[in-house]
N, C-alpha and C. Protein backbone atom coordinates (compact mmCIF):
# COMPACT_ATOMS: atom_id res chain seq x y z
N MET A 1 0.93 -1.19 -0.05
CA MET A 1 -0.01 0.00 0.05
C MET A 1 0.92 1.31 0.01
N LYS A 2 0.64 2.15 -0.87
CA LYS A 2 1.49 3.31 -1.07
C LYS A 2 1.31 4.30 0.19
N ASP A 3 0.13 4.34 0.83
CA ASP A 3 -0.01 5.29 1.95
C ASP A 3 0.44 4.78 3.26
N GLU A 4 1.18 3.61 3.33
CA GLU A 4 1.51 3.04 4.46
C GLU A 4 2.43 3.80 5.34
N CYS A 5 3.27 4.69 4.74
CA CYS A 5 4.20 5.56 5.51
C CYS A 5 3.49 6.49 6.42
N VAL A 6 2.31 6.75 6.16
CA VAL A 6 1.56 7.87 6.91
C VAL A 6 0.75 7.22 7.98
N ARG A 7 0.77 5.99 8.09
CA ARG A 7 -0.13 5.29 9.25
C ARG A 7 0.39 5.89 10.62
N ASN A 8 1.68 5.86 10.76
CA ASN A 8 2.15 6.39 12.18
C ASN A 8 2.37 7.73 12.30
N ILE A 9 2.01 8.52 11.29
CA ILE A 9 2.10 10.16 11.40
C ILE A 9 0.97 10.69 12.08
N GLY A 10 1.20 11.65 12.75
CA GLY A 10 0.12 12.43 13.54
C GLY A 10 -0.88 13.14 12.55
N VAL A 11 -1.99 13.51 13.10
CA VAL A 11 -3.01 14.13 12.24
C VAL A 11 -2.58 15.22 11.43
N TRP A 12 -1.78 16.12 12.02
CA TRP A 12 -1.32 17.23 11.11
C TRP A 12 -0.54 16.80 9.86
N GLY A 13 0.31 15.84 10.09
CA GLY A 13 1.18 15.27 8.99
C GLY A 13 0.32 14.56 7.99
N GLN A 14 -0.69 13.92 8.47
CA GLN A 14 -1.70 13.15 7.51
C GLN A 14 -2.50 14.28 6.75
N ARG A 15 -2.83 15.29 7.47
CA ARG A 15 -3.57 16.37 6.61
C ARG A 15 -2.85 16.99 5.56
N HIS A 16 -1.49 17.16 5.95
CA HIS A 16 -0.57 17.92 4.80
C HIS A 16 -0.32 16.77 3.80
N TYR A 17 -0.17 15.67 4.11
CA TYR A 17 0.04 14.46 3.14
C TYR A 17 -1.25 14.50 2.14
N ALA A 18 -2.53 14.49 2.69
CA ALA A 18 -3.65 14.51 1.96
C ALA A 18 -3.68 15.72 0.98
N TYR A 19 -3.31 16.94 1.50
CA TYR A 19 -3.20 18.12 0.65
C TYR A 19 -2.28 17.87 -0.49
N LEU A 20 -1.00 17.34 -0.13
CA LEU A 20 0.02 17.23 -1.19
C LEU A 20 -0.41 16.05 -2.21
N LYS A 21 -1.08 15.01 -1.61
CA LYS A 21 -1.57 13.99 -2.58
C LYS A 21 -2.42 14.57 -3.62
N LYS A 22 -3.37 15.51 -3.19
CA LYS A 22 -4.42 16.04 -4.19
C LYS A 22 -3.74 17.07 -5.04
N HIS A 23 -2.98 17.93 -4.53
CA HIS A 23 -2.38 19.16 -5.22
C HIS A 23 -1.01 18.99 -5.75
N SER A 24 -0.19 18.09 -5.24
CA SER A 24 1.20 17.95 -5.67
C SER A 24 1.73 16.57 -5.62
N PRO A 25 1.03 15.70 -6.30
CA PRO A 25 1.42 14.26 -6.24
C PRO A 25 2.91 14.04 -6.68
N THR A 26 3.35 14.89 -7.56
CA THR A 26 4.89 14.76 -7.94
C THR A 26 5.77 14.82 -6.77
N VAL A 27 5.36 15.82 -5.91
CA VAL A 27 6.33 16.01 -4.78
C VAL A 27 6.34 14.78 -3.93
N ILE A 28 5.20 14.27 -3.70
CA ILE A 28 5.23 12.98 -2.91
C ILE A 28 5.99 11.89 -3.54
N ASN A 29 5.86 11.69 -4.88
CA ASN A 29 6.65 10.65 -5.51
C ASN A 29 8.11 10.95 -5.44
N VAL A 30 8.58 12.28 -5.68
CA VAL A 30 9.98 12.57 -5.48
C VAL A 30 10.53 12.23 -4.07
N MET A 31 9.68 12.62 -3.02
CA MET A 31 10.10 12.23 -1.74
C MET A 31 10.14 10.84 -1.40
N ARG A 32 9.20 10.02 -1.95
CA ARG A 32 9.16 8.63 -1.82
C ARG A 32 10.47 8.04 -2.35
N MET A 33 10.85 8.48 -3.55
CA MET A 33 11.98 7.95 -4.26
C MET A 33 13.32 8.33 -3.47
N LYS A 34 13.33 9.48 -2.81
CA LYS A 34 14.51 9.92 -2.04
C LYS A 34 14.43 9.27 -0.65
N GLY A 35 13.30 8.82 -0.14
CA GLY A 35 13.20 8.19 1.11
C GLY A 35 12.98 9.23 2.09
N THR A 36 12.52 10.44 1.78
CA THR A 36 12.32 11.53 2.82
C THR A 36 10.91 11.91 3.20
N LEU A 37 9.97 11.19 2.57
CA LEU A 37 8.56 11.59 2.78
C LEU A 37 8.15 11.50 4.29
N GLU A 38 8.39 10.18 4.92
CA GLU A 38 7.88 9.96 6.31
C GLU A 38 8.44 11.00 7.18
N GLN A 39 9.86 11.18 7.13
CA GLN A 39 10.43 12.23 8.05
C GLN A 39 10.00 13.62 7.76
N TYR A 40 9.72 13.91 6.54
CA TYR A 40 9.19 15.26 6.22
C TYR A 40 7.72 15.42 6.91
N LEU A 41 7.00 14.43 6.80
CA LEU A 41 5.58 14.47 7.32
C LEU A 41 5.66 14.53 8.82
N ARG A 42 6.53 13.70 9.45
CA ARG A 42 6.83 13.79 10.86
C ARG A 42 7.20 15.28 11.46
N ASP A 43 8.01 15.73 10.67
CA ASP A 43 8.60 17.16 10.92
C ASP A 43 7.37 18.09 10.89
N ILE A 44 6.53 18.04 9.83
CA ILE A 44 5.41 18.99 9.69
C ILE A 44 4.48 18.67 10.93
N ASP A 45 4.26 17.43 11.20
CA ASP A 45 3.39 17.16 12.40
C ASP A 45 3.89 17.70 13.62
N GLN A 46 5.04 17.59 13.85
CA GLN A 46 5.76 18.15 15.03
C GLN A 46 5.66 19.61 15.08
N ASP A 47 6.00 20.24 14.08
CA ASP A 47 5.99 21.77 13.98
C ASP A 47 4.56 22.17 14.15
N ALA A 48 3.45 21.61 13.59
CA ALA A 48 2.15 21.97 13.86
C ALA A 48 1.78 21.82 15.19
N GLN A 49 2.14 20.76 15.80
CA GLN A 49 1.76 20.46 17.31
C GLN A 49 2.41 21.43 18.21
N GLU A 50 3.71 21.78 18.05
CA GLU A 50 4.40 22.81 18.87
C GLU A 50 3.77 24.01 18.62
N MET A 51 3.42 24.36 17.41
CA MET A 51 2.77 25.75 17.06
C MET A 51 1.51 25.82 17.92
N SER A 52 0.69 24.85 17.71
CA SER A 52 -0.70 24.73 18.49
C SER A 52 -0.46 24.98 19.98
N GLU A 53 0.37 24.27 20.63
CA GLU A 53 0.73 24.44 22.04
C GLU A 53 1.11 25.74 22.37
N LEU A 54 2.05 26.36 21.73
CA LEU A 54 2.48 27.72 21.98
C LEU A 54 1.31 28.70 21.73
N LEU A 55 0.74 28.67 20.66
CA LEU A 55 -0.32 29.68 20.47
C LEU A 55 -1.50 29.58 21.50
N MET A 56 -1.79 28.29 21.88
CA MET A 56 -2.83 28.11 22.91
C MET A 56 -2.42 28.70 24.20
N LYS A 57 -1.18 28.55 24.57
CA LYS A 57 -0.69 29.26 25.83
C LYS A 57 -0.76 30.74 25.61
N GLN A 58 -0.32 31.26 24.52
CA GLN A 58 -0.33 32.66 24.27
C GLN A 58 -1.73 33.26 24.34
N TYR A 59 -2.64 32.67 23.49
CA TYR A 59 -3.94 33.20 23.45
C TYR A 59 -4.73 33.03 24.79
N THR A 60 -4.61 32.01 25.57
CA THR A 60 -5.31 32.02 26.86
C THR A 60 -4.76 33.03 27.65
N GLU A 61 -3.39 33.33 27.75
CA GLU A 61 -2.88 34.34 28.56
C GLU A 61 -3.40 35.70 28.13
N ILE A 62 -3.21 36.02 26.81
CA ILE A 62 -3.75 37.33 26.28
C ILE A 62 -5.27 37.60 26.69
N GLU A 63 -6.07 36.44 26.53
CA GLU A 63 -7.51 36.73 26.61
C GLU A 63 -7.93 36.40 28.09
N GLY A 64 -6.99 36.21 29.00
CA GLY A 64 -7.46 36.08 30.39
C GLY A 64 -8.20 34.78 30.66
N ILE A 65 -7.98 33.65 29.90
CA ILE A 65 -8.72 32.50 30.26
C ILE A 65 -8.00 31.56 31.25
N THR A 66 -8.61 31.51 32.44
CA THR A 66 -8.01 30.93 33.54
C THR A 66 -8.58 29.70 34.12
N GLU A 67 -7.94 29.00 35.03
CA GLU A 67 -8.65 27.87 35.70
C GLU A 67 -9.74 28.36 36.58
N GLN A 68 -9.55 29.65 37.08
CA GLN A 68 -10.62 30.26 37.84
C GLN A 68 -11.91 30.28 37.03
N LEU A 69 -11.77 30.94 35.74
CA LEU A 69 -12.92 30.95 34.85
C LEU A 69 -13.50 29.62 34.67
N LYS A 70 -12.66 28.51 34.45
CA LYS A 70 -13.19 27.24 34.20
C LYS A 70 -13.96 26.72 35.37
N ALA A 71 -13.46 27.03 36.54
CA ALA A 71 -14.31 26.67 37.84
C ALA A 71 -15.59 27.44 37.90
N GLU A 72 -15.59 28.67 37.66
CA GLU A 72 -16.75 29.56 37.86
C GLU A 72 -17.76 29.45 36.76
N ASN A 73 -17.30 29.31 35.59
CA ASN A 73 -18.28 29.30 34.46
C ASN A 73 -17.71 28.41 33.32
N GLN A 74 -18.01 27.12 33.55
CA GLN A 74 -17.34 26.12 32.63
C GLN A 74 -17.78 26.29 31.21
N MET A 75 -19.07 26.69 30.91
CA MET A 75 -19.60 26.74 29.65
C MET A 75 -18.91 27.92 28.89
N ASP A 76 -18.77 29.12 29.51
CA ASP A 76 -18.01 30.19 29.00
C ASP A 76 -16.58 29.80 28.58
N TRP A 77 -15.98 29.14 29.58
CA TRP A 77 -14.62 28.57 29.39
C TRP A 77 -14.51 27.72 28.16
N VAL A 78 -15.38 26.82 28.00
CA VAL A 78 -15.29 25.90 26.90
C VAL A 78 -15.58 26.67 25.58
N CYS A 79 -16.53 27.58 25.59
CA CYS A 79 -16.69 28.31 24.24
C CYS A 79 -15.56 29.07 23.96
N LYS A 80 -14.90 29.79 24.92
CA LYS A 80 -13.60 30.63 24.57
C LYS A 80 -12.49 29.67 24.10
N MET A 81 -12.40 28.55 24.81
CA MET A 81 -11.25 27.52 24.47
C MET A 81 -11.49 27.01 22.95
N ASN A 82 -12.79 26.69 22.71
CA ASN A 82 -13.02 26.11 21.36
C ASN A 82 -12.76 27.29 20.33
N ASN A 83 -13.16 28.60 20.63
CA ASN A 83 -12.89 29.57 19.69
C ASN A 83 -11.43 29.74 19.34
N ILE A 84 -10.63 29.59 20.49
CA ILE A 84 -9.09 29.80 20.30
C ILE A 84 -8.61 28.54 19.47
N ARG A 85 -9.10 27.38 19.81
CA ARG A 85 -8.63 26.22 19.07
C ARG A 85 -8.90 26.38 17.58
N ASP A 86 -10.17 26.88 17.25
CA ASP A 86 -10.45 27.09 15.86
C ASP A 86 -9.61 28.04 15.13
N ARG A 87 -9.28 29.13 15.89
CA ARG A 87 -8.35 30.11 15.30
C ARG A 87 -6.97 29.66 15.07
N ILE A 88 -6.54 28.74 16.11
CA ILE A 88 -5.18 28.21 15.86
C ILE A 88 -5.21 27.21 14.77
N ASN A 89 -6.21 26.41 14.60
CA ASN A 89 -6.32 25.49 13.47
C ASN A 89 -6.12 26.20 12.18
N GLU A 90 -6.80 27.32 11.99
CA GLU A 90 -6.83 28.04 10.88
C GLU A 90 -5.52 28.59 10.48
N ILE A 91 -4.76 29.00 11.58
CA ILE A 91 -3.35 29.49 11.34
C ILE A 91 -2.41 28.41 10.90
N ILE A 92 -2.63 27.17 11.55
CA ILE A 92 -1.76 26.13 11.16
C ILE A 92 -2.10 25.69 9.71
N TYR A 93 -3.36 25.59 9.42
CA TYR A 93 -3.67 25.21 8.02
C TYR A 93 -2.97 26.17 7.07
N LYS A 94 -3.09 27.36 7.28
CA LYS A 94 -2.59 28.47 6.37
C LYS A 94 -1.05 28.45 6.25
N GLU A 95 -0.40 28.17 7.43
CA GLU A 95 1.03 28.34 7.51
C GLU A 95 1.80 27.03 7.20
N LEU A 96 1.22 25.98 7.53
CA LEU A 96 1.91 24.66 7.55
C LEU A 96 1.38 23.58 6.72
N ILE A 97 0.01 23.52 6.66
CA ILE A 97 -0.65 22.33 6.04
C ILE A 97 -0.99 22.53 4.58
N TYR A 98 -1.60 23.73 4.28
CA TYR A 98 -2.04 23.97 2.94
C TYR A 98 -1.02 24.85 2.17
N VAL A 99 0.17 24.39 2.17
CA VAL A 99 1.29 25.14 1.51
C VAL A 99 2.14 24.08 0.57
């Protein structure tokens, strides 16, 4: 199976692979021949995960989303965290995944 190398790659790496497969299949074939595809996808996945964690920390600090808010108004906390997660996902898609 050609897609076997992406089985053990995280979700971000798999999303980038799906994008490349659709929009740049030649890039995938060249990386396969060179033996660099799996590591490339692992690196993308790791970069995206690190970016997500850093941005989450920064956004929660900037917007004052605290454990106290979570304890006092869990629904508000969940809504705000979901909003931040969605914004972060969009940033990651634009900067790392869909390029």
